[in-house]
Protein backbone atom coordinates (compact mmCIF):
# COMPACT_ATOMS: atom_id res chain seq x y z
CA MET A 1 67.96 83.52 13.21
CA HIS A 2 69.48 80.63 11.58
CA THR A 3 68.28 78.40 13.88
CA GLN A 4 64.62 79.69 13.48
CA HIS A 5 64.57 79.15 9.46
CA ASN A 6 65.84 75.59 10.44
CA GLN A 7 62.86 75.21 12.81
CA GLU A 8 60.37 76.53 10.05
CA ILE A 9 61.69 73.87 7.36
CA SER A 10 61.62 71.30 10.01
CA ARG A 11 58.04 71.93 10.75
CA TRP A 12 57.11 72.27 6.80
CA THR A 13 58.97 69.22 6.41
CA LEU A 14 56.97 67.08 8.89
CA TRP A 15 53.49 68.70 7.38
CA LYS A 16 54.47 67.48 4.10
CA SER A 17 55.01 64.08 5.27
CA ILE A 18 51.83 63.74 7.02
CA PRO A 19 49.48 61.82 3.75
CA SER A 20 46.71 63.78 2.61
CA ARG A 21 42.92 62.05 3.08
CA GLY A 22 41.24 64.08 0.89
CA PRO A 23 38.28 66.24 1.48
CA MET A 24 36.80 65.48 4.78
CA LEU A 25 32.91 63.94 3.83
CA ILE A 26 30.14 64.38 6.52
CA LYS A 27 27.83 61.29 7.17
CA ARG A 28 24.08 61.92 6.27
CA PRO A 29 21.67 61.13 8.67
CA ILE A 30 19.58 58.16 6.83
CA THR A 31 15.82 59.61 6.43
CA LEU A 32 12.48 58.07 7.60
CA ILE A 33 11.52 57.46 4.02
CA GLU A 34 14.72 55.27 3.29
CA LEU A 35 14.57 53.37 6.40
CA LEU A 36 10.75 51.85 5.23
CA ILE A 37 12.22 51.40 1.64
CA ALA A 38 14.76 49.48 2.90
CA MET A 39 12.43 47.46 5.42
CA VAL A 40 10.04 47.24 2.31
CA LEU A 41 12.63 45.57 0.30
CA THR A 42 14.00 43.29 2.99
CA SER A 43 10.51 42.01 4.08
CA LEU A 44 9.93 41.20 -0.23
CA VAL A 45 13.25 39.26 0.10
CA LEU A 46 12.07 37.35 3.67
CA SER A 47 8.72 36.69 1.93
CA ALA A 48 10.32 34.87 -1.38
CA LEU A 49 12.58 32.89 0.44
CA PHE A 50 9.87 31.96 2.78
CA TYR A 51 7.53 31.05 -0.16
CA PHE A 52 10.34 29.30 -2.05
CA TYR A 53 11.00 27.04 1.17
CA ARG A 54 7.48 26.16 1.63
CA ASP A 55 7.15 25.11 -1.85
CA ILE A 56 10.14 22.95 -1.22
CA ASP A 57 8.78 21.35 1.86
CA TRP A 58 5.48 20.66 0.04
CA LEU A 59 7.24 19.32 -2.90
CA ASN A 60 9.33 16.73 0.05
CA HIS A 61 6.04 15.79 1.67
CA GLU A 62 4.05 15.42 -1.78
CA MET A 63 7.13 12.78 -2.80
CA GLU A 64 7.21 10.98 0.47
CA LYS A 65 3.48 10.21 0.38
CA SER A 66 3.65 9.28 -2.88
CA GLN A 67 6.50 7.02 -2.14
CA LYS A 68 4.60 5.89 0.75
CA LYS A 69 1.46 4.70 -1.16
CA SER A 70 3.32 3.37 -3.89
CA PHE A 71 5.75 1.16 -1.30
CA GLU A 72 1.78 0.01 -0.06
CA LEU A 73 0.36 -0.68 -3.10
CA SER A 74 3.76 -3.17 -3.90
CA TYR A 75 3.61 -4.70 -0.83
CA ILE A 76 0.21 -5.71 -1.02
CA GLN A 77 0.20 -6.90 -4.42
CA THR A 78 3.45 -8.99 -3.67
CA ARG A 79 1.46 -10.11 -0.51
CA LEU A 80 -1.48 -11.67 -2.55
CA ASP A 81 0.69 -12.48 -5.50
CA ASP A 82 2.20 -14.86 -2.89
CA VAL A 83 -0.93 -16.08 -1.61
CA ILE A 84 -3.84 -16.26 -3.85
CA PRO A 85 -2.45 -18.52 -6.53
CA ASN A 86 -1.43 -21.13 -3.76
CA ILE A 87 -5.16 -21.79 -2.63
CA LEU A 88 -5.81 -25.27 -2.42
CA SER A 89 -8.80 -27.16 -3.76
CA PRO A 90 -10.87 -29.92 -2.48
CA ARG A 91 -9.15 -32.14 -5.06
CA ILE A 92 -6.13 -31.26 -3.61
CA ALA A 93 -6.90 -31.17 0.08
CA PRO A 94 -10.18 -32.51 0.69
CA ASP A 95 -9.74 -32.50 4.43
CA ASP A 96 -8.32 -29.49 4.83
CA PHE A 97 -10.26 -27.59 2.18
CA TYR A 98 -11.92 -24.06 2.58
CA PHE A 99 -13.06 -21.53 0.55
CA PHE A 100 -15.99 -19.29 1.36
CA VAL A 101 -17.15 -15.41 2.01
CA SER A 102 -18.04 -14.86 5.95
CA HIS A 103 -19.79 -11.71 7.28
CA ASP A 104 -19.78 -12.48 11.38
CA ALA A 105 -16.39 -13.25 13.27
CA GLN A 106 -17.31 -12.10 16.51
CA GLY A 107 -15.96 -9.02 16.39
CA LEU A 108 -13.04 -9.57 14.29
CA LEU A 109 -14.54 -7.66 11.20
CA LYS A 110 -15.41 -4.09 10.38
CA PRO A 111 -18.83 -4.01 10.80
CA GLY A 112 -20.65 -4.84 7.52
CA GLN A 113 -17.91 -5.97 5.51
CA PRO A 114 -17.21 -9.42 4.34
CA SER A 115 -14.31 -11.81 4.61
CA LEU A 116 -12.87 -14.24 2.55
CA VAL A 117 -11.73 -17.66 4.10
CA PHE A 118 -9.39 -20.18 2.44
CA THR A 119 -7.04 -22.97 2.99
CA TYR A 120 -3.54 -22.32 1.13
CA ASN A 121 -0.28 -23.75 0.98
CA PHE A 122 2.05 -21.80 2.39
CA GLY A 123 5.33 -23.80 1.85
CA ALA A 124 8.05 -24.54 3.97
CA ASN A 125 8.22 -22.48 7.06
CA LEU A 126 10.88 -22.64 10.33
CA ASN A 127 7.80 -22.90 12.15
CA PRO A 128 5.95 -25.91 11.50
CA VAL A 129 2.60 -24.87 12.64
CA PHE A 130 2.27 -22.45 9.74
CA ALA A 131 4.15 -24.78 7.05
CA GLN A 132 2.24 -26.30 4.26
CA HIS A 133 -1.56 -26.22 4.69
CA VAL A 134 -2.74 -23.07 6.38
CA LEU A 135 -6.20 -21.69 6.98
CA ALA A 136 -6.18 -17.93 6.19
CA ARG A 137 -8.58 -15.05 6.44
CA LEU A 138 -8.47 -11.83 4.59
CA TYR A 139 -10.50 -8.80 5.99
CA ILE A 140 -10.74 -5.45 7.18
CA ASP A 141 -10.59 -4.89 10.99
CA PRO A 142 -12.37 -2.05 13.03
CA SER A 143 -9.45 0.14 12.72
CA ASN A 144 -9.92 0.04 8.72
CA ARG A 145 -6.53 -2.31 8.14
CA LEU A 146 -6.90 -4.85 5.46
CA CYS A 147 -5.57 -8.03 7.78
CA LEU A 148 -4.47 -11.60 6.75
CA ALA A 149 -4.93 -13.97 9.71
CA MET A 150 -3.31 -17.28 9.51
CA LEU A 151 -4.44 -20.49 11.52
CA PRO A 152 -2.80 -23.91 11.29
CA PRO A 153 -5.55 -26.88 9.34
CA VAL A 154 -8.71 -27.18 11.31
CA LYS A 155 -7.81 -31.06 11.94
CA GLU A 156 -4.89 -29.98 13.98
CA TRP A 157 -6.94 -27.67 16.48
CA PRO A 158 -7.70 -30.43 19.18
CA LYS A 159 -3.47 -30.39 19.58
CA PHE A 160 -3.50 -27.05 20.95
CA THR A 161 -4.68 -25.44 24.18
CA SER A 162 -5.09 -22.17 22.53
CA VAL A 163 -5.09 -22.17 18.68
CA PRO A 164 -1.97 -20.14 17.86
CA ILE A 165 -3.02 -17.53 14.96
CA LYS A 166 -0.88 -14.53 12.92
CA GLN A 167 -2.02 -11.70 11.87
CA GLU A 168 -0.56 -9.67 9.22
CA VAL A 169 -1.58 -5.41 8.36
CA LEU A 170 -1.19 -5.56 4.31
CA LEU A 171 -2.74 -1.94 4.17
CA GLU A 172 -4.27 0.50 6.26
CA ASN A 173 -7.10 3.61 5.83
CA VAL A 174 -9.03 0.96 3.95
CA GLU A 175 -12.77 1.91 3.70
CA SER A 176 -14.77 -1.35 2.17
CA ILE A 177 -13.65 -4.71 0.21
CA ALA A 178 -15.72 -7.07 -1.88
CA PHE A 179 -14.75 -10.51 -3.71
CA GLU A 180 -16.16 -11.69 -6.45
CA PHE A 181 -16.05 -15.15 -8.24
CA TYR A 182 -15.89 -15.73 -11.92
CA VAL A 183 -17.66 -19.35 -13.37
CA PRO A 184 -16.91 -19.92 -16.83
CA PRO A 185 -19.55 -21.11 -19.21
CA ALA A 186 -20.09 -24.81 -20.21
CA LYS A 187 -17.86 -25.78 -22.84
CA GLU A 188 -17.72 -28.93 -24.87
CA SER A 189 -14.84 -31.63 -24.45
CA SER A 190 -13.38 -30.86 -27.62
CA ALA A 191 -12.99 -26.86 -26.99
CA ALA A 192 -10.71 -27.57 -24.27
CA GLY A 193 -8.76 -30.76 -25.83
CA ASN A 194 -10.91 -33.46 -24.71
CA LYS A 195 -10.73 -32.15 -21.15
CA ALA A 196 -14.00 -30.17 -20.61
CA PRO A 197 -14.03 -28.40 -17.03
CA LYS A 198 -16.50 -30.44 -14.33
CA GLY A 199 -16.33 -28.10 -11.49
CA ALA A 200 -15.41 -30.42 -9.20
CA TYR A 201 -18.41 -32.85 -9.44
CA GLY A 202 -18.51 -35.94 -7.40
CA ASN A 203 -14.62 -35.98 -6.52
CA GLY A 204 -14.52 -38.31 -3.14
CA LYS A 205 -15.86 -37.84 0.20
CA LYS A 206 -18.34 -34.35 -0.57
CA GLN A 207 -19.98 -33.65 -3.59
CA ALA A 208 -19.56 -30.05 -5.04
CA GLN A 209 -22.81 -28.16 -5.69
CA LYS A 210 -23.93 -27.64 -9.20
CA LEU A 211 -23.98 -23.57 -9.96
CA GLN A 212 -26.59 -22.91 -12.00
CA LEU A 213 -25.25 -19.88 -13.54
CA ARG A 214 -22.40 -20.11 -15.63
CA ASP A 215 -20.52 -17.05 -17.32
CA THR A 216 -21.25 -14.98 -14.22
CA TRP A 217 -19.35 -13.14 -11.34
CA TYR A 218 -20.29 -14.44 -8.22
CA THR A 219 -20.44 -11.89 -5.33
CA ASP A 220 -21.13 -14.80 -2.82
CA TRP A 221 -19.88 -18.01 -2.14
CA ARG A 222 -20.61 -20.80 -0.01
CA GLN A 223 -18.13 -23.82 1.92
CA GLU A 224 -21.14 -26.05 0.32
CA SER A 225 -20.27 -25.25 -3.25
CA TYR A 226 -17.27 -27.30 -2.18
CA GLN A 227 -14.96 -26.05 -5.23
CA LEU A 228 -13.40 -23.05 -6.12
CA PRO A 229 -14.05 -20.61 -8.79
CA ALA A 230 -12.18 -19.80 -11.96
CA LEU A 231 -11.26 -16.32 -10.70
CA LEU A 232 -11.16 -14.11 -8.26
CA ARG A 233 -11.54 -10.44 -8.13
CA ILE A 234 -10.67 -8.51 -5.18
CA SER A 235 -11.97 -4.51 -5.08
CA VAL A 236 -10.43 -2.62 -1.99
CA HIS A 237 -11.58 0.98 -1.29
CA ILE A 238 -9.31 3.47 -0.07
CA LYS A 239 -9.83 6.05 2.11
CA ASP A 240 -10.05 9.60 0.06
CA GLN A 241 -9.57 7.68 -3.16
CA LYS A 242 -12.73 7.59 -5.76
CA GLU A 243 -11.37 4.30 -7.54
CA PRO A 244 -11.03 0.94 -5.87
CA ILE A 245 -7.84 -1.43 -6.43
CA LEU A 246 -8.40 -4.30 -8.51
CA PHE A 247 -6.92 -7.47 -7.80
CA VAL A 248 -7.78 -10.30 -10.19
CA TYR A 249 -6.37 -13.65 -9.72
CA PRO A 250 -6.67 -17.10 -11.58
CA LEU A 251 -7.19 -19.73 -9.54
CA PRO A 252 -4.56 -22.47 -10.87
CA GLN A 253 -5.95 -25.64 -8.78
CA SER A 254 -9.78 -24.87 -10.03
CA ASP A 255 -11.76 -27.36 -11.75
CA PHE A 256 -13.00 -24.81 -13.78
CA VAL A 257 -11.20 -23.84 -17.19
CA VAL A 258 -11.55 -20.55 -18.73
CA ILE A 259 -11.79 -21.27 -22.27
CA TYR A 260 -11.31 -18.22 -24.82
CA GLU A 261 -12.72 -18.11 -28.32
CA LYS A 262 -10.21 -17.20 -31.12
C-alpha cells in the first residue's frame, strides 16, 4: 500500500514537471480569396519596384546622353578654337595661302555639302610633315561626320610619292554645314587711327579682288579673292536638333578691320 502510494506521488510529480504549452492551436488553411489578395499585393509591390528602377535606368541613360553631347560640343569648340584663329593670310604666307569654299572633292564630301579649304599655322609638331603651315579642309564626309583633314603645304607635295594626310573626326550625326564670310563696311582712315582696312590689295605676287559689296555676309568665297574676310561664321546642323550650332570667329590675320561705332 505504501509502495503504491509512492508510485502515484512520483507520477504526479513527473506530470507537474512537464511545462505547460497552453491551449493547442489548430492551423486554418488559407482560403482562395486570401491567396488572391496576397498575389495582388505582391504584384503591386513588384510593379512599383519595376517602375522605380525603370525611372532610374531612364534617368541614367539621359544623363549619359547629355554628358556625351556636352563632351562632343566641348571637343569641337576646342578644336575649332585651336585652328580657325590661326588661319594664314596671303600677307603672312603668300606661297602657302589657300582660303576658299569647295563643293566637289571626288567622293570625299557628303553630296550637296560644301567644304572650307584653308592654310593655318599648326605650330610645333613632333611630325615635321604636319608642323607650321598646314593645308586643311573642314567638311562632312558621306557618313555624316564633321571632319578636319590636314595635308602638308602644296609646294611640298613633289617630295612625296604619296601625299600624307591626317583626318580627324570632330562630330558625328551632322546633317549639314554652312559657311558665311563677313566683309565690313569701308571706313575712312581717321576712323581706324589712320590705319584704314585695305583688304590686302596689292600685296606682292598676286592682287586681291576688290569686293563689290561691303557690310555683307557672303555665302561663298573663292581663292581668286586672295584675301581673308573679317569674320567667319560656321553653322552646323545636327541630326534631331532643330537649331544649328553656330561658331563665329574673327580672323586676326585679315586685313579687314571691323570698327564699331560708339
